[in-house]
Amino acid sequence: MFWCFFWLLAILAYLLGSLSFAIWLSRRSGSPDPRASGSGNAGATNMLRLAGKKLAVLTLIGDLCKGLLPVLIAKLLDLDSQEQAWIGLFAVLGHLFPLYFRFRGGKGVATTAGMLLGLYPPAATLAVCAWLLVFYMTRTSSLAALIATPLVLPLLAWQEPETLLPMSLITLLIVWRHRGNLRDLLAGRERHF
């Protein structure tokens, strides 16, 4: 019975993660489709480039909530932290590969931050602070994400070791989704704000 319940929640987390606020808001506002313009990413940073601060902030809040809500529901249902982390992973997978948008989604950074906020707030705080510091110094969102995401792994390994496997998988997925950015960073072609 428990495993059926866990998988039902995992599926719901994936479906919630598949909601793309960037695409939905761009359609509602008449802004360009973020998958076809700017960096081609359906996330808050590209929305900032294409549609301005207001829609970027709304996209960021929506993407954070997609990661946060499933973890909070899992917590309310008394699932342990490892199960909460796996549920959060499904929300991130939904964001990366959304069912409703031909599996072309964002890069998962904000959804992961929301998941971390529900799972272990100090890790989310560390990730956000690292992201803000790197972004402030370099004006490069992708570099900030690539540094901030793996930075939380040692903290989780120390405080929440049972979440390390799902969080390591998320980190690998985020790095893989940023592989084009990595190439551009190494070649000196990456976009800056």
N, C-alpha and C. Protein backbone atom coordinates (compact mmCIF):
# COMPACT_ATOMS: atom_id res chain seq x y z
N MET A 1 0.83 -1.20 0.00
CA MET A 1 0.00 0.00 0.00
C MET A 1 0.87 1.26 0.00
N PHE A 2 1.93 1.25 0.84
CA PHE A 2 2.79 2.42 0.94
C PHE A 2 3.43 2.75 -0.41
N TRP A 3 3.93 1.72 -1.11
CA TRP A 3 4.62 1.99 -2.38
C TRP A 3 3.68 2.54 -3.44
N CYS A 4 2.43 2.08 -3.42
CA CYS A 4 1.44 2.65 -4.35
C CYS A 4 1.25 4.13 -4.06
N PHE A 5 1.17 4.47 -2.78
CA PHE A 5 1.00 5.85 -2.36
C PHE A 5 2.22 6.68 -2.75
N PHE A 6 3.41 6.14 -2.53
CA PHE A 6 4.64 6.85 -2.90
C PHE A 6 4.67 7.13 -4.39
N TRP A 7 4.36 6.12 -5.22
CA TRP A 7 4.41 6.30 -6.66
C TRP A 7 3.33 7.24 -7.16
N LEU A 8 2.19 7.25 -6.52
CA LEU A 8 1.14 8.19 -6.88
C LEU A 8 1.62 9.62 -6.63
N LEU A 9 2.24 9.84 -5.49
CA LEU A 9 2.78 11.16 -5.17
C LEU A 9 3.92 11.52 -6.12
N ALA A 10 4.75 10.56 -6.48
CA ALA A 10 5.85 10.81 -7.43
C ALA A 10 5.29 11.23 -8.80
N ILE A 11 4.25 10.55 -9.25
CA ILE A 11 3.63 10.90 -10.54
C ILE A 11 3.02 12.29 -10.47
N LEU A 12 2.34 12.59 -9.38
CA LEU A 12 1.76 13.93 -9.22
C LEU A 12 2.84 15.00 -9.19
N ALA A 13 3.98 14.70 -8.54
CA ALA A 13 5.10 15.64 -8.51
C ALA A 13 5.63 15.87 -9.92
N TYR A 14 5.76 14.80 -10.70
CA TYR A 14 6.21 14.95 -12.09
C TYR A 14 5.24 15.80 -12.90
N LEU A 15 3.94 15.54 -12.75
CA LEU A 15 2.94 16.31 -13.50
C LEU A 15 2.94 17.77 -13.09
N LEU A 16 3.10 18.04 -11.81
CA LEU A 16 3.20 19.43 -11.34
C LEU A 16 4.47 20.06 -11.89
N GLY A 17 5.57 19.34 -11.86
CA GLY A 17 6.82 19.84 -12.41
C GLY A 17 6.74 20.12 -13.90
N SER A 18 5.85 19.42 -14.59
CA SER A 18 5.69 19.60 -16.04
C SER A 18 5.00 20.90 -16.42
N LEU A 19 4.37 21.55 -15.45
CA LEU A 19 3.76 22.86 -15.74
C LEU A 19 4.89 23.85 -15.97
N SER A 20 4.90 24.50 -17.12
CA SER A 20 5.96 25.45 -17.43
C SER A 20 5.42 26.86 -17.30
N PHE A 21 5.81 27.53 -16.23
CA PHE A 21 5.36 28.90 -16.02
C PHE A 21 5.93 29.84 -17.06
N ALA A 22 7.15 29.60 -17.51
CA ALA A 22 7.74 30.45 -18.53
C ALA A 22 6.93 30.39 -19.83
N ILE A 23 6.56 29.20 -20.24
CA ILE A 23 5.79 29.06 -21.48
C ILE A 23 4.39 29.63 -21.30
N TRP A 24 3.75 29.29 -20.20
CA TRP A 24 2.39 29.76 -19.95
C TRP A 24 2.34 31.29 -19.87
N LEU A 25 3.27 31.88 -19.11
CA LEU A 25 3.28 33.34 -18.98
C LEU A 25 3.63 34.03 -20.30
N SER A 26 4.52 33.44 -21.06
CA SER A 26 4.86 34.06 -22.35
C SER A 26 3.65 34.03 -23.29
N ARG A 27 2.89 32.95 -23.27
CA ARG A 27 1.68 32.88 -24.10
C ARG A 27 0.64 33.89 -23.64
N ARG A 28 0.45 34.01 -22.33
CA ARG A 28 -0.55 34.93 -21.78
C ARG A 28 -0.20 36.39 -22.05
N SER A 29 1.10 36.69 -22.07
CA SER A 29 1.52 38.08 -22.22
C SER A 29 1.83 38.46 -23.66
N GLY A 30 1.86 37.47 -24.55
CA GLY A 30 2.23 37.75 -25.93
C GLY A 30 3.73 37.87 -26.14
N SER A 31 4.50 37.46 -25.15
CA SER A 31 5.97 37.47 -25.26
C SER A 31 6.42 36.29 -26.11
N PRO A 32 7.66 36.33 -26.61
CA PRO A 32 8.16 35.20 -27.41
C PRO A 32 8.25 33.92 -26.58
N ASP A 33 8.07 32.79 -27.25
CA ASP A 33 8.23 31.50 -26.60
C ASP A 33 9.68 31.37 -26.14
N PRO A 34 9.91 31.16 -24.84
CA PRO A 34 11.30 31.12 -24.36
C PRO A 34 12.11 29.96 -24.92
N ARG A 35 11.43 28.92 -25.43
CA ARG A 35 12.16 27.79 -26.02
C ARG A 35 12.67 28.12 -27.41
N ALA A 36 12.10 29.17 -28.03
CA ALA A 36 12.47 29.52 -29.40
C ALA A 36 13.23 30.84 -29.47
N SER A 37 13.42 31.51 -28.33
CA SER A 37 14.06 32.82 -28.33
C SER A 37 15.08 32.90 -27.20
N GLY A 38 15.94 33.89 -27.29
CA GLY A 38 16.95 34.08 -26.25
C GLY A 38 17.87 32.87 -26.16
N SER A 39 17.99 32.33 -24.95
CA SER A 39 18.85 31.16 -24.75
C SER A 39 18.16 29.86 -25.12
N GLY A 40 16.85 29.90 -25.37
CA GLY A 40 16.10 28.69 -25.68
C GLY A 40 15.68 27.91 -24.45
N ASN A 41 15.85 28.50 -23.28
CA ASN A 41 15.54 27.83 -22.03
C ASN A 41 14.23 28.36 -21.46
N ALA A 42 13.37 27.45 -21.02
CA ALA A 42 12.09 27.83 -20.42
C ALA A 42 12.28 28.04 -18.92
N GLY A 43 12.99 29.11 -18.56
CA GLY A 43 13.24 29.40 -17.16
C GLY A 43 13.24 30.89 -16.89
N ALA A 44 13.42 31.25 -15.64
CA ALA A 44 13.32 32.64 -15.20
C ALA A 44 14.37 33.54 -15.84
N THR A 45 15.59 33.05 -16.00
CA THR A 45 16.66 33.89 -16.56
C THR A 45 16.34 34.29 -17.99
N ASN A 46 15.89 33.35 -18.79
CA ASN A 46 15.54 33.67 -20.16
C ASN A 46 14.30 34.56 -20.21
N MET A 47 13.37 34.36 -19.29
CA MET A 47 12.20 35.23 -19.24
C MET A 47 12.60 36.66 -18.91
N LEU A 48 13.62 36.82 -18.09
CA LEU A 48 14.12 38.17 -17.79
C LEU A 48 14.62 38.83 -19.06
N ARG A 49 15.34 38.08 -19.88
CA ARG A 49 15.84 38.62 -21.15
C ARG A 49 14.71 38.96 -22.10
N LEU A 50 13.71 38.09 -22.16
CA LEU A 50 12.68 38.21 -23.19
C LEU A 50 11.47 39.03 -22.78
N ALA A 51 11.08 38.98 -21.51
CA ALA A 51 9.80 39.55 -21.12
C ALA A 51 9.87 40.52 -19.95
N GLY A 52 11.04 40.70 -19.37
CA GLY A 52 11.17 41.67 -18.29
C GLY A 52 11.10 41.07 -16.89
N LYS A 53 11.31 41.96 -15.91
CA LYS A 53 11.44 41.52 -14.52
C LYS A 53 10.17 40.88 -13.96
N LYS A 54 9.03 41.47 -14.24
CA LYS A 54 7.78 40.98 -13.64
C LYS A 54 7.52 39.52 -14.02
N LEU A 55 7.60 39.21 -15.30
CA LEU A 55 7.35 37.83 -15.73
C LEU A 55 8.47 36.89 -15.30
N ALA A 56 9.69 37.41 -15.20
CA ALA A 56 10.80 36.58 -14.71
C ALA A 56 10.57 36.21 -13.25
N VAL A 57 10.14 37.17 -12.44
CA VAL A 57 9.88 36.90 -11.02
C VAL A 57 8.72 35.91 -10.87
N LEU A 58 7.67 36.10 -11.66
CA LEU A 58 6.53 35.16 -11.60
C LEU A 58 6.96 33.76 -12.02
N THR A 59 7.81 33.66 -13.03
CA THR A 59 8.33 32.36 -13.47
C THR A 59 9.16 31.73 -12.35
N LEU A 60 10.01 32.52 -11.73
CA LEU A 60 10.86 32.03 -10.64
C LEU A 60 10.00 31.50 -9.49
N ILE A 61 8.99 32.26 -9.08
CA ILE A 61 8.11 31.83 -7.98
C ILE A 61 7.38 30.55 -8.36
N GLY A 62 6.85 30.49 -9.57
CA GLY A 62 6.15 29.28 -10.01
C GLY A 62 7.06 28.07 -10.02
N ASP A 63 8.28 28.25 -10.54
CA ASP A 63 9.23 27.13 -10.61
C ASP A 63 9.69 26.69 -9.22
N LEU A 64 9.88 27.64 -8.32
CA LEU A 64 10.21 27.30 -6.93
C LEU A 64 9.09 26.48 -6.29
N CYS A 65 7.87 26.92 -6.49
CA CYS A 65 6.72 26.23 -5.88
C CYS A 65 6.55 24.81 -6.42
N LYS A 66 6.91 24.59 -7.68
CA LYS A 66 6.82 23.24 -8.24
C LYS A 66 7.70 22.26 -7.51
N GLY A 67 8.85 22.72 -7.03
CA GLY A 67 9.74 21.86 -6.26
C GLY A 67 9.36 21.79 -4.79
N LEU A 68 8.84 22.89 -4.26
CA LEU A 68 8.52 22.98 -2.84
C LEU A 68 7.26 22.19 -2.47
N LEU A 69 6.18 22.37 -3.22
CA LEU A 69 4.89 21.78 -2.84
C LEU A 69 4.91 20.26 -2.72
N PRO A 70 5.46 19.52 -3.68
CA PRO A 70 5.47 18.06 -3.52
C PRO A 70 6.25 17.59 -2.29
N VAL A 71 7.35 18.29 -1.98
CA VAL A 71 8.15 17.92 -0.81
C VAL A 71 7.36 18.21 0.47
N LEU A 72 6.68 19.35 0.51
CA LEU A 72 5.87 19.67 1.69
C LEU A 72 4.72 18.68 1.87
N ILE A 73 4.11 18.27 0.77
CA ILE A 73 3.04 17.26 0.86
C ILE A 73 3.61 15.95 1.38
N ALA A 74 4.76 15.55 0.86
CA ALA A 74 5.42 14.31 1.34
C ALA A 74 5.74 14.42 2.82
N LYS A 75 6.19 15.60 3.24
CA LYS A 75 6.52 15.83 4.66
C LYS A 75 5.25 15.73 5.51
N LEU A 76 4.16 16.34 5.04
CA LEU A 76 2.89 16.28 5.77
C LEU A 76 2.37 14.85 5.89
N LEU A 77 2.66 14.04 4.88
CA LEU A 77 2.22 12.65 4.88
C LEU A 77 3.20 11.74 5.63
N ASP A 78 4.18 12.36 6.28
CA ASP A 78 5.13 11.67 7.15
C ASP A 78 6.08 10.74 6.40
N LEU A 79 6.39 11.07 5.15
CA LEU A 79 7.42 10.34 4.44
C LEU A 79 8.78 10.79 4.99
N ASP A 80 9.75 9.89 5.00
CA ASP A 80 11.06 10.27 5.53
C ASP A 80 11.79 11.17 4.52
N SER A 81 12.93 11.73 4.95
CA SER A 81 13.62 12.71 4.12
C SER A 81 14.12 12.13 2.80
N GLN A 82 14.51 10.86 2.79
CA GLN A 82 14.94 10.25 1.53
C GLN A 82 13.77 10.17 0.55
N GLU A 83 12.62 9.75 1.04
CA GLU A 83 11.44 9.68 0.18
C GLU A 83 11.02 11.06 -0.30
N GLN A 84 11.14 12.06 0.58
CA GLN A 84 10.84 13.44 0.17
C GLN A 84 11.78 13.88 -0.95
N ALA A 85 13.05 13.51 -0.83
CA ALA A 85 14.03 13.88 -1.86
C ALA A 85 13.71 13.21 -3.20
N TRP A 86 13.29 11.95 -3.16
CA TRP A 86 12.91 11.27 -4.40
C TRP A 86 11.68 11.92 -5.01
N ILE A 87 10.72 12.31 -4.18
CA ILE A 87 9.53 13.01 -4.68
C ILE A 87 9.96 14.33 -5.34
N GLY A 88 10.86 15.05 -4.69
CA GLY A 88 11.38 16.29 -5.26
C GLY A 88 12.09 16.06 -6.59
N LEU A 89 12.81 14.96 -6.69
CA LEU A 89 13.48 14.62 -7.95
C LEU A 89 12.46 14.48 -9.08
N PHE A 90 11.32 13.88 -8.79
CA PHE A 90 10.29 13.74 -9.82
C PHE A 90 9.75 15.10 -10.27
N ALA A 91 9.63 16.04 -9.34
CA ALA A 91 9.20 17.40 -9.71
C ALA A 91 10.23 18.05 -10.63
N VAL A 92 11.51 17.87 -10.31
CA VAL A 92 12.58 18.43 -11.14
C VAL A 92 12.58 17.76 -12.52
N LEU A 93 12.38 16.44 -12.55
CA LEU A 93 12.29 15.74 -13.84
C LEU A 93 11.14 16.30 -14.69
N GLY A 94 10.02 16.60 -14.03
CA GLY A 94 8.91 17.21 -14.75
C GLY A 94 9.29 18.56 -15.35
N HIS A 95 10.05 19.34 -14.61
CA HIS A 95 10.49 20.64 -15.13
C HIS A 95 11.46 20.46 -16.30
N LEU A 96 12.37 19.52 -16.17
CA LEU A 96 13.36 19.30 -17.23
C LEU A 96 12.73 18.71 -18.49
N PHE A 97 11.81 17.76 -18.28
CA PHE A 97 11.20 17.03 -19.39
C PHE A 97 9.68 17.06 -19.24
N PRO A 98 9.05 18.23 -19.48
CA PRO A 98 7.61 18.37 -19.23
C PRO A 98 6.75 17.59 -20.22
N LEU A 99 5.86 16.83 -19.67
CA LEU A 99 4.93 16.03 -20.46
C LEU A 99 4.10 16.91 -21.39
N TYR A 100 3.70 18.08 -20.91
CA TYR A 100 2.79 18.94 -21.66
C TYR A 100 3.46 19.74 -22.76
N PHE A 101 4.77 19.76 -22.81
CA PHE A 101 5.49 20.61 -23.76
C PHE A 101 6.54 19.82 -24.52
N ARG A 102 6.18 18.62 -24.95
CA ARG A 102 7.04 17.76 -25.77
C ARG A 102 8.40 17.50 -25.12
N PHE A 103 8.42 17.45 -23.80
CA PHE A 103 9.62 17.12 -23.02
C PHE A 103 10.75 18.14 -23.20
N ARG A 104 10.40 19.37 -23.60
CA ARG A 104 11.39 20.46 -23.74
C ARG A 104 11.15 21.47 -22.63
N GLY A 105 11.90 21.36 -21.54
CA GLY A 105 11.69 22.23 -20.40
C GLY A 105 12.90 23.08 -20.08
N GLY A 106 12.94 23.50 -18.84
CA GLY A 106 14.02 24.36 -18.36
C GLY A 106 15.21 23.56 -17.87
N LYS A 107 16.03 24.20 -17.07
CA LYS A 107 17.26 23.57 -16.60
C LYS A 107 17.18 23.10 -15.16
N GLY A 108 16.08 23.39 -14.48
CA GLY A 108 15.81 22.78 -13.18
C GLY A 108 16.38 23.47 -11.96
N VAL A 109 17.02 24.61 -12.12
CA VAL A 109 17.69 25.24 -10.98
C VAL A 109 16.68 25.76 -9.96
N ALA A 110 15.69 26.52 -10.39
CA ALA A 110 14.71 27.08 -9.46
C ALA A 110 13.85 25.98 -8.84
N THR A 111 13.47 24.99 -9.61
CA THR A 111 12.67 23.88 -9.07
C THR A 111 13.48 23.11 -8.03
N THR A 112 14.76 22.93 -8.27
CA THR A 112 15.63 22.28 -7.29
C THR A 112 15.74 23.14 -6.02
N ALA A 113 15.85 24.44 -6.19
CA ALA A 113 15.92 25.33 -5.02
C ALA A 113 14.65 25.21 -4.19
N GLY A 114 13.49 25.13 -4.85
CA GLY A 114 12.24 24.94 -4.12
C GLY A 114 12.20 23.61 -3.39
N MET A 115 12.68 22.57 -4.05
CA MET A 115 12.75 21.26 -3.43
C MET A 115 13.64 21.30 -2.19
N LEU A 116 14.81 21.94 -2.31
CA LEU A 116 15.73 22.06 -1.17
C LEU A 116 15.12 22.87 -0.03
N LEU A 117 14.35 23.89 -0.38
CA LEU A 117 13.70 24.70 0.64
C LEU A 117 12.76 23.86 1.50
N GLY A 118 12.04 22.95 0.86
CA GLY A 118 11.16 22.06 1.61
C GLY A 118 11.90 20.96 2.34
N LEU A 119 12.96 20.48 1.73
CA LEU A 119 13.70 19.34 2.26
C LEU A 119 14.62 19.73 3.42
N TYR A 120 15.45 20.74 3.18
CA TYR A 120 16.42 21.16 4.19
C TYR A 120 16.76 22.63 3.93
N PRO A 121 16.04 23.58 4.57
CA PRO A 121 16.19 25.01 4.29
C PRO A 121 17.63 25.54 4.35
N PRO A 122 18.50 25.05 5.28
CA PRO A 122 19.88 25.57 5.24
C PRO A 122 20.59 25.29 3.91
N ALA A 123 20.31 24.15 3.29
CA ALA A 123 20.93 23.85 2.00
C ALA A 123 20.41 24.80 0.92
N ALA A 124 19.11 25.09 0.97
CA ALA A 124 18.54 26.05 0.01
C ALA A 124 19.15 27.42 0.20
N THR A 125 19.33 27.83 1.46
CA THR A 125 19.92 29.13 1.76
C THR A 125 21.36 29.20 1.24
N LEU A 126 22.13 28.14 1.47
CA LEU A 126 23.51 28.08 0.97
C LEU A 126 23.53 28.18 -0.55
N ALA A 127 22.66 27.44 -1.22
CA ALA A 127 22.63 27.45 -2.69
C ALA A 127 22.26 28.83 -3.22
N VAL A 128 21.25 29.45 -2.62
CA VAL A 128 20.82 30.78 -3.09
C VAL A 128 21.92 31.81 -2.85
N CYS A 129 22.54 31.77 -1.68
CA CYS A 129 23.65 32.71 -1.40
C CYS A 129 24.80 32.52 -2.37
N ALA A 130 25.16 31.28 -2.64
CA ALA A 130 26.25 31.00 -3.58
C ALA A 130 25.88 31.49 -4.98
N TRP A 131 24.64 31.22 -5.39
CA TRP A 131 24.18 31.67 -6.71
C TRP A 131 24.26 33.18 -6.81
N LEU A 132 23.73 33.88 -5.80
CA LEU A 132 23.73 35.34 -5.81
C LEU A 132 25.15 35.91 -5.84
N LEU A 133 26.05 35.33 -5.06
CA LEU A 133 27.43 35.81 -5.01
C LEU A 133 28.13 35.62 -6.36
N VAL A 134 28.01 34.43 -6.92
CA VAL A 134 28.67 34.17 -8.22
C VAL A 134 28.03 35.03 -9.31
N PHE A 135 26.71 35.16 -9.28
CA PHE A 135 26.05 35.99 -10.30
C PHE A 135 26.47 37.45 -10.16
N TYR A 136 26.55 37.94 -8.93
CA TYR A 136 26.97 39.32 -8.69
C TYR A 136 28.39 39.55 -9.22
N MET A 137 29.26 38.58 -9.01
CA MET A 137 30.66 38.73 -9.41
C MET A 137 30.86 38.56 -10.92
N THR A 138 30.06 37.69 -11.55
CA THR A 138 30.32 37.35 -12.95
C THR A 138 29.22 37.79 -13.92
N ARG A 139 28.03 38.07 -13.39
CA ARG A 139 26.86 38.39 -14.22
C ARG A 139 26.53 37.24 -15.18
N THR A 140 26.79 36.02 -14.74
CA THR A 140 26.57 34.84 -15.58
C THR A 140 25.71 33.83 -14.81
N SER A 141 24.45 33.71 -15.21
CA SER A 141 23.50 32.86 -14.50
C SER A 141 23.90 31.39 -14.55
N SER A 142 24.36 30.92 -15.69
CA SER A 142 24.71 29.50 -15.82
C SER A 142 25.88 29.13 -14.91
N LEU A 143 26.88 29.99 -14.84
CA LEU A 143 28.03 29.72 -13.96
C LEU A 143 27.57 29.70 -12.50
N ALA A 144 26.69 30.62 -12.14
CA ALA A 144 26.17 30.66 -10.78
C ALA A 144 25.44 29.36 -10.44
N ALA A 145 24.64 28.86 -11.38
CA ALA A 145 23.91 27.60 -11.16
C ALA A 145 24.86 26.42 -11.06
N LEU A 146 25.87 26.39 -11.91
CA LEU A 146 26.81 25.27 -11.92
C LEU A 146 27.69 25.23 -10.67
N ILE A 147 27.88 26.36 -10.02
CA ILE A 147 28.64 26.38 -8.78
C ILE A 147 27.73 26.13 -7.58
N ALA A 148 26.56 26.75 -7.57
CA ALA A 148 25.66 26.67 -6.41
C ALA A 148 25.09 25.28 -6.19
N THR A 149 24.70 24.60 -7.25
CA THR A 149 24.02 23.31 -7.09
C THR A 149 24.90 22.25 -6.44
N PRO A 150 26.12 22.00 -6.93
CA PRO A 150 26.95 20.98 -6.29
C PRO A 150 27.45 21.39 -4.90
N LEU A 151 27.44 22.69 -4.61
CA LEU A 151 27.94 23.17 -3.34
C LEU A 151 27.13 22.65 -2.15
N VAL A 152 25.85 22.34 -2.38
CA VAL A 152 25.00 21.88 -1.27
C VAL A 152 25.23 20.41 -0.94
N LEU A 153 25.86 19.66 -1.82
CA LEU A 153 26.03 18.22 -1.59
C LEU A 153 26.82 17.89 -0.32
N PRO A 154 27.93 18.58 -0.04
CA PRO A 154 28.62 18.25 1.22
C PRO A 154 27.77 18.53 2.46
N LEU A 155 27.01 19.63 2.43
CA LEU A 155 26.14 19.94 3.56
C LEU A 155 25.08 18.87 3.74
N LEU A 156 24.48 18.43 2.63
CA LEU A 156 23.48 17.36 2.72
C LEU A 156 24.11 16.04 3.16
N ALA A 157 25.30 15.76 2.67
CA ALA A 157 25.97 14.51 3.06
C ALA A 157 26.23 14.49 4.56
N TRP A 158 26.47 15.65 5.13
CA TRP A 158 26.77 15.75 6.54
C TRP A 158 25.49 15.76 7.39
N GLN A 159 24.48 16.53 6.96
CA GLN A 159 23.26 16.71 7.76
C GLN A 159 22.12 15.76 7.38
N GLU A 160 22.00 15.47 6.11
CA GLU A 160 20.90 14.63 5.60
C GLU A 160 21.48 13.58 4.65
N PRO A 161 22.31 12.65 5.15
CA PRO A 161 23.03 11.74 4.25
C PRO A 161 22.11 10.86 3.40
N GLU A 162 20.90 10.59 3.89
CA GLU A 162 19.98 9.73 3.12
C GLU A 162 19.46 10.42 1.87
N THR A 163 19.62 11.75 1.76
CA THR A 163 19.16 12.47 0.56
C THR A 163 20.25 12.61 -0.49
N LEU A 164 21.43 12.11 -0.19
CA LEU A 164 22.57 12.34 -1.07
C LEU A 164 22.40 11.73 -2.46
N LEU A 165 21.86 10.53 -2.57
CA LEU A 165 21.71 9.91 -3.89
C LEU A 165 20.75 10.69 -4.79
N PRO A 166 19.51 10.98 -4.34
CA PRO A 166 18.65 11.76 -5.24
C PRO A 166 19.20 13.15 -5.55
N MET A 167 19.85 13.79 -4.57
CA MET A 167 20.41 15.11 -4.82
C MET A 167 21.62 15.03 -5.76
N SER A 168 22.39 13.97 -5.68
CA SER A 168 23.50 13.79 -6.62
C SER A 168 22.98 13.61 -8.04
N LEU A 169 21.90 12.86 -8.18
CA LEU A 169 21.29 12.68 -9.51
C LEU A 169 20.78 14.01 -10.06
N ILE A 170 20.16 14.82 -9.20
CA ILE A 170 19.67 16.13 -9.64
C ILE A 170 20.85 17.00 -10.07
N THR A 171 21.93 16.97 -9.31
CA THR A 171 23.11 17.76 -9.66
C THR A 171 23.66 17.34 -11.01
N LEU A 172 23.74 16.03 -11.25
CA LEU A 172 24.21 15.54 -12.55
C LEU A 172 23.28 15.99 -13.68
N LEU A 173 21.97 15.93 -13.43
CA LEU A 173 21.01 16.38 -14.45
C LEU A 173 21.17 17.87 -14.75
N ILE A 174 21.36 18.67 -13.71
CA ILE A 174 21.52 20.11 -13.92
C ILE A 174 22.81 20.40 -14.69
N VAL A 175 23.88 19.72 -14.34
CA VAL A 175 25.14 19.91 -15.09
C VAL A 175 24.94 19.47 -16.54
N TRP A 176 24.27 18.34 -16.75
CA TRP A 176 24.03 17.86 -18.12
C TRP A 176 23.18 18.86 -18.91
N ARG A 177 22.15 19.43 -18.27
CA ARG A 177 21.30 20.40 -18.96
C ARG A 177 22.06 21.69 -19.27
N HIS A 178 23.14 21.95 -18.55
CA HIS A 178 23.95 23.14 -18.78
C HIS A 178 25.18 22.84 -19.65
N ARG A 179 25.20 21.69 -20.30
CA ARG A 179 26.41 21.30 -21.06
C ARG A 179 26.74 22.31 -22.16
N GLY A 180 25.73 22.88 -22.81
CA GLY A 180 25.98 23.91 -23.82
C GLY A 180 26.57 25.16 -23.19
N ASN A 181 26.05 25.50 -22.01
CA ASN A 181 26.59 26.65 -21.28
C ASN A 181 28.05 26.41 -20.88
N LEU A 182 28.35 25.17 -20.48
CA LEU A 182 29.73 24.82 -20.12
C LEU A 182 30.66 25.02 -21.31
N ARG A 183 30.22 24.55 -22.48
CA ARG A 183 31.04 24.75 -23.69
C ARG A 183 31.26 26.24 -23.95
N ASP A 184 30.17 27.03 -23.83
CA ASP A 184 30.28 28.47 -24.07
C ASP A 184 31.15 29.15 -23.02
N LEU A 185 31.05 28.71 -21.77
CA LEU A 185 31.89 29.27 -20.71
C LEU A 185 33.37 29.02 -21.01
N LEU A 186 33.67 27.78 -21.39
CA LEU A 186 35.07 27.43 -21.68
C LEU A 186 35.60 28.17 -22.91
N ALA A 187 34.70 28.46 -23.86
CA ALA A 187 35.12 29.16 -25.08
C ALA A 187 35.03 30.68 -24.93
N GLY A 188 34.52 31.15 -23.78
CA GLY A 188 34.39 32.59 -23.57
C GLY A 188 33.23 33.21 -24.31
N ARG A 189 32.23 32.43 -24.68
CA ARG A 189 31.08 32.93 -25.44
C ARG A 189 29.80 33.01 -24.62
N GLU A 190 29.82 32.67 -23.37
CA GLU A 190 28.60 32.61 -22.58
C GLU A 190 27.98 34.01 -22.40
N ARG A 191 26.65 34.06 -22.43
CA ARG A 191 25.93 35.34 -22.27
C ARG A 191 26.05 35.85 -20.84
N HIS A 192 26.19 37.16 -20.73
CA HIS A 192 26.25 37.82 -19.43
C HIS A 192 25.10 38.83 -19.35
N PHE A 193 24.73 39.17 -18.13
CA PHE A 193 23.74 40.23 -17.93
C PHE A 193 24.44 41.55 -17.76
